[in-house]
Amino acid sequence: MPVPTVGAKGATPRRNHFNRLWRKACEDAGIKGLHFHDLRHTGNTLAASTGASTRELMSRMGHSTARAALIYQHASADRDRLIADALSGLVDKARKKIRKARKKQDRKPKGHAGDTGD
């Protein structure tokens, strides 16, 4: 049975009434321990994992300070892996650049052109 979006008198349910509706809906779905506010945390964490900026997250959440928006961000293992892989890629790219420069330097003839090397 869907949770009604309005109270008995057609108004938005008050907190105590909404909480009863939420708990009943969770119970009917077999979900234990999920608070309605947990959805806010999850939504903002997922939005952050897309690469959204703090300013964008603030707008989505209706926050006026970065501190408030950051409270809802949580690091995820998948995102941490992406960051680690990107950092490794930067290091690998720099190493290749250094190796290429060294090889190029090694190929240059020593001394003046036509030197016998004696």
C-alpha atoms as a PDB file:
ATOM      1  CA  MET A   1       0.000   0.000   0.000  1.00  0.00           C
ATOM      2  CA  PRO A   2       1.563   3.351  -1.026  1.00  0.00           C
ATOM      3  CA  VAL A   3       2.328   5.924   1.646  1.00  0.00           C
ATOM      4  CA  PRO A   4      -0.061   8.897   1.350  1.00  0.00           C
ATOM      5  CA  THR A   5       1.627  12.211   0.535  1.00  0.00           C
ATOM      6  CA  VAL A   6      -0.952  14.202   2.476  1.00  0.00           C
ATOM      7  CA  GLY A   7      -2.396  13.872   5.930  1.00  0.00           C
ATOM      8  CA  ALA A   8      -5.969  13.018   6.842  1.00  0.00           C
ATOM      9  CA  LYS A   9      -7.102  16.638   6.366  1.00  0.00           C
ATOM     10  CA  GLY A  10      -5.370  17.022   2.984  1.00  0.00           C
ATOM     11  CA  ALA A  11      -2.329  18.852   4.375  1.00  0.00           C
ATOM     12  CA  THR A  12       1.306  17.810   4.463  1.00  0.00           C
ATOM     13  CA  PRO A  13       1.666  15.363   7.358  1.00  0.00           C
ATOM     14  CA  ARG A  14       3.284  16.725  10.505  1.00  0.00           C
ATOM     15  CA  ARG A  15       6.551  15.182  11.625  1.00  0.00           C
ATOM     16  CA  ASN A  16       5.064  12.837  14.222  1.00  0.00           C
ATOM     17  CA  HIS A  17       2.376  11.638  11.788  1.00  0.00           C
ATOM     18  CA  PHE A  18       4.846  11.307   8.913  1.00  0.00           C
ATOM     19  CA  ASN A  19       7.200   9.263  11.096  1.00  0.00           C
ATOM     20  CA  ARG A  20       4.377   6.809  11.777  1.00  0.00           C
ATOM     21  CA  LEU A  21       3.666   6.577   8.038  1.00  0.00           C
ATOM     22  CA  TRP A  22       7.370   6.072   7.283  1.00  0.00           C
ATOM     23  CA  ARG A  23       7.814   3.357   9.917  1.00  0.00           C
ATOM     24  CA  LYS A  24       4.710   1.553   8.639  1.00  0.00           C
ATOM     25  CA  ALA A  25       5.955   1.725   5.033  1.00  0.00           C
ATOM     26  CA  CYS A  26       9.382   0.373   6.082  1.00  0.00           C
ATOM     27  CA  GLU A  27       7.764  -2.386   8.114  1.00  0.00           C
ATOM     28  CA  ASP A  28       5.535  -3.339   5.172  1.00  0.00           C
ATOM     29  CA  ALA A  29       8.635  -3.454   2.925  1.00  0.00           C
ATOM     30  CA  GLY A  30      10.577  -5.534   5.448  1.00  0.00           C
ATOM     31  CA  ILE A  31      13.155  -2.796   6.040  1.00  0.00           C
ATOM     32  CA  LYS A  32      14.499  -2.257   9.553  1.00  0.00           C
ATOM     33  CA  GLY A  33      16.452   0.715  10.871  1.00  0.00           C
ATOM     34  CA  LEU A  34      16.104   2.998   7.831  1.00  0.00           C
ATOM     35  CA  HIS A  35      15.368   6.589   8.781  1.00  0.00           C
ATOM     36  CA  PHE A  36      13.824   8.911   6.236  1.00  0.00           C
ATOM     37  CA  HIS A  37      16.768  11.296   6.656  1.00  0.00           C
ATOM     38  CA  ASP A  38      19.112   8.450   5.598  1.00  0.00           C
ATOM     39  CA  LEU A  39      17.791   8.974   2.061  1.00  0.00           C
ATOM     40  CA  ARG A  40      19.207  12.509   2.136  1.00  0.00           C
ATOM     41  CA  HIS A  41      22.649  11.194   3.063  1.00  0.00           C
ATOM     42  CA  THR A  42      22.506   8.540   0.350  1.00  0.00           C
ATOM     43  CA  GLY A  43      21.283  10.960  -2.316  1.00  0.00           C
ATOM     44  CA  ASN A  44      23.974  13.505  -1.594  1.00  0.00           C
ATOM     45  CA  THR A  45      26.692  10.849  -1.427  1.00  0.00           C
ATOM     46  CA  LEU A  46      25.607   9.515  -4.830  1.00  0.00           C
ATOM     47  CA  ALA A  47      25.501  13.054  -6.256  1.00  0.00           C
ATOM     48  CA  ALA A  48      29.017  13.697  -4.893  1.00  0.00           C
ATOM     49  CA  SER A  49      30.289  10.478  -6.496  1.00  0.00           C
ATOM     50  CA  THR A  50      29.312  11.833  -9.918  1.00  0.00           C
ATOM     51  CA  GLY A  51      31.891  14.578  -9.478  1.00  0.00           C
ATOM     52  CA  ALA A  52      29.420  17.298  -8.467  1.00  0.00           C
ATOM     53  CA  SER A  53      31.131  20.298  -6.910  1.00  0.00           C
ATOM     54  CA  THR A  54      30.457  21.370  -3.344  1.00  0.00           C
ATOM     55  CA  ARG A  55      28.586  24.417  -4.708  1.00  0.00           C
ATOM     56  CA  GLU A  56      26.346  22.126  -6.804  1.00  0.00           C
ATOM     57  CA  LEU A  57      25.696  19.894  -3.810  1.00  0.00           C
ATOM     58  CA  MET A  58      24.878  22.936  -1.687  1.00  0.00           C
ATOM     59  CA  SER A  59      22.306  23.989  -4.255  1.00  0.00           C
ATOM     60  CA  ARG A  60      20.744  20.524  -4.417  1.00  0.00           C
ATOM     61  CA  MET A  61      20.548  20.271  -0.646  1.00  0.00           C
ATOM     62  CA  GLY A  62      19.485  23.849   0.037  1.00  0.00           C
ATOM     63  CA  HIS A  63      22.535  24.610   2.167  1.00  0.00           C
ATOM     64  CA  SER A  64      24.026  28.068   2.523  1.00  0.00           C
ATOM     65  CA  THR A  65      27.462  26.916   3.709  1.00  0.00           C
ATOM     66  CA  ALA A  66      29.968  24.404   2.383  1.00  0.00           C
ATOM     67  CA  ARG A  67      30.348  23.009   5.902  1.00  0.00           C
ATOM     68  CA  ALA A  68      26.691  22.006   5.977  1.00  0.00           C
ATOM     69  CA  ALA A  69      26.910  20.351   2.555  1.00  0.00           C
ATOM     70  CA  LEU A  70      30.084  18.457   3.462  1.00  0.00           C
ATOM     71  CA  ILE A  71      28.363  16.796   6.419  1.00  0.00           C
ATOM     72  CA  TYR A  72      26.366  14.703   3.969  1.00  0.00           C
ATOM     73  CA  GLN A  73      29.294  13.563   1.852  1.00  0.00           C
ATOM     74  CA  HIS A  74      30.793  10.171   2.569  1.00  0.00           C
ATOM     75  CA  ALA A  75      33.755   8.562   0.884  1.00  0.00           C
ATOM     76  CA  SER A  76      32.937   5.412  -0.983  1.00  0.00           C
ATOM     77  CA  ALA A  77      35.286   2.555  -1.823  1.00  0.00           C
ATOM     78  CA  ASP A  78      34.431   2.822  -5.536  1.00  0.00           C
ATOM     79  CA  ARG A  79      35.170   6.542  -5.654  1.00  0.00           C
ATOM     80  CA  ASP A  80      38.374   6.020  -3.662  1.00  0.00           C
ATOM     81  CA  ARG A  81      39.485   3.424  -6.248  1.00  0.00           C
ATOM     82  CA  LEU A  82      38.780   5.876  -9.103  1.00  0.00           C
ATOM     83  CA  ILE A  83      40.829   8.583  -7.380  1.00  0.00           C
ATOM     84  CA  ALA A  84      43.709   6.168  -6.691  1.00  0.00           C
ATOM     85  CA  ASP A  85      43.670   4.963 -10.309  1.00  0.00           C
ATOM     86  CA  ALA A  86      43.701   8.554 -11.595  1.00  0.00           C
ATOM     87  CA  LEU A  87      46.673   9.401  -9.366  1.00  0.00           C
ATOM     88  CA  SER A  88      48.524   6.301 -10.572  1.00  0.00           C
ATOM     89  CA  GLY A  89      47.825   7.382 -14.135  1.00  0.00           C
ATOM     90  CA  LEU A  90      49.375  10.796 -13.478  1.00  0.00           C
ATOM     91  CA  VAL A  91      52.488   9.204 -11.981  1.00  0.00           C
ATOM     92  CA  ASP A  92      52.795   6.735 -14.885  1.00  0.00           C
ATOM     93  CA  LYS A  93      52.441   9.563 -17.410  1.00  0.00           C
ATOM     94  CA  ALA A  94      55.181  11.592 -15.683  1.00  0.00           C
ATOM     95  CA  ARG A  95      57.510   8.563 -15.546  1.00  0.00           C
ATOM     96  CA  LYS A  96      57.022   7.878 -19.264  1.00  0.00           C
ATOM     97  CA  LYS A  97      57.787  11.510 -20.033  1.00  0.00           C
ATOM     98  CA  ILE A  98      61.013  11.341 -18.000  1.00  0.00           C
ATOM     99  CA  ARG A  99      62.068   8.042 -19.645  1.00  0.00           C
ATOM    100  CA  LYS A 100      61.401   9.478 -23.099  1.00  0.00           C
ATOM    101  CA  ALA A 101      63.475  12.584 -22.322  1.00  0.00           C
ATOM    102  CA  ARG A 102      66.358  10.439 -21.021  1.00  0.00           C
ATOM    103  CA  LYS A 103      66.338   8.214 -24.116  1.00  0.00           C
ATOM    104  CA  LYS A 104      66.358  11.280 -26.344  1.00  0.00           C
ATOM    105  CA  GLN A 105      69.269  12.703 -24.359  1.00  0.00           C
ATOM    106  CA  ASP A 106      71.206   9.406 -24.622  1.00  0.00           C
ATOM    107  CA  ARG A 107      70.870   9.423 -28.435  1.00  0.00           C
ATOM    108  CA  LYS A 108      72.540  12.810 -28.823  1.00  0.00           C
ATOM    109  CA  PRO A 109      76.158  12.517 -29.980  1.00  0.00           C
ATOM    110  CA  LYS A 110      78.781  13.436 -27.416  1.00  0.00           C
ATOM    111  CA  GLY A 111      81.150  16.274 -28.230  1.00  0.00           C
ATOM    112  CA  HIS A 112      81.318  18.123 -31.551  1.00  0.00           C
ATOM    113  CA  ALA A 113      80.201  16.636 -34.822  1.00  0.00           C
ATOM    114  CA  GLY A 114      83.071  14.770 -36.461  1.00  0.00           C
ATOM    115  CA  ASP A 115      84.880  14.147 -33.164  1.00  0.00           C
ATOM    116  CA  THR A 116      86.821  10.947 -33.127  1.00  0.00           C
ATOM    117  CA  GLY A 117      86.224  10.506 -29.437  1.00  0.00           C
ATOM    118  CA  ASP A 118      89.979  10.343 -28.650  1.00  0.00           C
END
